[in-house]
Amino acid sequence: MLSSNVRRIDSFLYCTRLDREPIDGRKSRSLEHQPSPWSGLEILSRDRNFSAYLVIRMLSQFATMGFSFYIVYGLLHFGMSDLTADS
């Protein structure tokens, strides 16, 4: 019984040493050198094509979402059959 407890404590100590990664000083940045989170938005003012792409992408998402509402509107107000709305 004592032997199993000693081995269990030994394995616990061994496993707790495995989950720690060595500290790599090359990867860490100081807080003074980190860019602002808003600095990525300057691409919108520099690249007009990318800005237009994002606007069109947002509008197409609204168009896709609105399409299902037009189907329901057509079914209720114009008396469309389910077969017409499905095709």
Protein backbone atom coordinates (compact mmCIF):
# COMPACT_ATOMS: atom_id res chain seq x y z
CA MET A 1 0.00 0.00 0.00
CA LEU A 2 2.81 2.39 0.83
CA SER A 3 4.57 1.50 -2.40
CA SER A 4 1.51 2.30 -4.51
CA ASN A 5 1.06 5.68 -2.79
CA VAL A 6 4.70 6.56 -3.37
CA ARG A 7 4.42 5.61 -7.04
CA ARG A 8 1.20 7.59 -7.43
CA ILE A 9 2.81 10.70 -5.93
CA ASP A 10 5.86 10.18 -8.11
CA SER A 11 3.75 9.89 -11.27
CA PHE A 12 1.73 12.96 -10.26
CA LEU A 13 4.91 15.01 -9.83
CA TYR A 14 6.26 13.71 -13.14
CA CYS A 15 3.05 14.61 -15.00
CA THR A 16 2.92 18.10 -13.54
CA ARG A 17 6.37 18.79 -14.94
CA LEU A 18 5.32 17.67 -18.44
CA ASP A 19 2.63 20.28 -19.02
CA ARG A 20 4.93 23.28 -18.69
CA GLU A 21 6.50 24.67 -21.81
CA PRO A 22 9.84 26.38 -21.73
CA ILE A 23 9.70 30.17 -21.88
CA ASP A 24 10.73 31.44 -25.28
CA GLY A 25 11.85 35.05 -25.14
CA ARG A 26 11.74 35.45 -28.92
CA LYS A 27 7.96 35.05 -29.13
CA SER A 28 6.94 37.43 -26.38
CA ARG A 29 6.42 41.10 -27.11
CA SER A 30 6.37 43.92 -24.67
CA LEU A 31 3.19 45.94 -24.34
CA GLU A 32 4.87 49.05 -25.72
CA HIS A 33 5.53 47.45 -29.11
CA GLN A 34 2.13 45.87 -29.69
CA PRO A 35 0.09 47.55 -32.42
CA SER A 36 -3.29 49.04 -31.71
CA PRO A 37 -6.27 46.80 -32.47
CA TRP A 38 -7.64 49.58 -34.68
CA SER A 39 -4.49 49.77 -36.82
CA GLY A 40 -5.84 46.98 -39.04
CA LEU A 41 -8.69 49.23 -40.15
CA GLU A 42 -6.36 51.55 -42.03
CA ILE A 43 -6.48 49.10 -44.94
CA LEU A 44 -10.05 50.27 -45.54
CA SER A 45 -8.86 53.78 -46.30
CA ARG A 46 -5.85 52.66 -48.34
CA ASP A 47 -7.46 49.97 -50.49
CA ARG A 48 -10.77 51.08 -52.02
CA ASN A 49 -11.27 47.79 -53.85
CA PHE A 50 -11.11 45.88 -50.59
CA SER A 51 -13.56 48.32 -48.99
CA ALA A 52 -15.97 47.85 -51.88
CA TYR A 53 -15.57 44.09 -51.59
CA LEU A 54 -16.48 44.15 -47.89
CA VAL A 55 -19.53 46.36 -48.48
CA ILE A 56 -20.79 44.14 -51.30
CA ARG A 57 -20.16 41.07 -49.19
CA MET A 58 -22.26 42.49 -46.34
CA LEU A 59 -25.06 43.48 -48.70
CA SER A 60 -25.12 40.05 -50.30
CA GLN A 61 -25.54 38.48 -46.86
CA PHE A 62 -28.57 40.67 -46.24
CA ALA A 63 -29.94 39.77 -49.68
CA THR A 64 -29.54 36.07 -48.96
CA MET A 65 -31.25 36.44 -45.60
CA GLY A 66 -34.04 38.58 -47.06
CA PHE A 67 -34.82 36.08 -49.83
CA SER A 68 -36.57 33.73 -47.41
CA PHE A 69 -38.75 36.60 -46.18
CA TYR A 70 -39.78 37.38 -49.76
CA ILE A 71 -40.83 33.76 -50.21
CA VAL A 72 -43.09 33.94 -47.14
CA TYR A 73 -44.44 37.32 -48.29
CA GLY A 74 -45.24 35.89 -51.72
CA LEU A 75 -46.98 32.88 -50.21
CA LEU A 76 -49.17 34.97 -47.90
CA HIS A 77 -50.01 38.02 -50.04
CA PHE A 78 -50.00 36.72 -53.61
CA GLY A 79 -51.47 33.27 -52.98
CA MET A 80 -48.52 31.43 -54.48
CA SER A 81 -48.63 27.67 -54.23
CA ASP A 82 -45.99 25.81 -52.29
CA LEU A 83 -44.76 24.26 -55.52
CA THR A 84 -44.17 27.70 -57.08
CA ALA A 85 -42.33 28.96 -54.00
CA ASP A 86 -40.18 25.84 -53.79
CA SER A 87 -38.85 25.91 -57.35
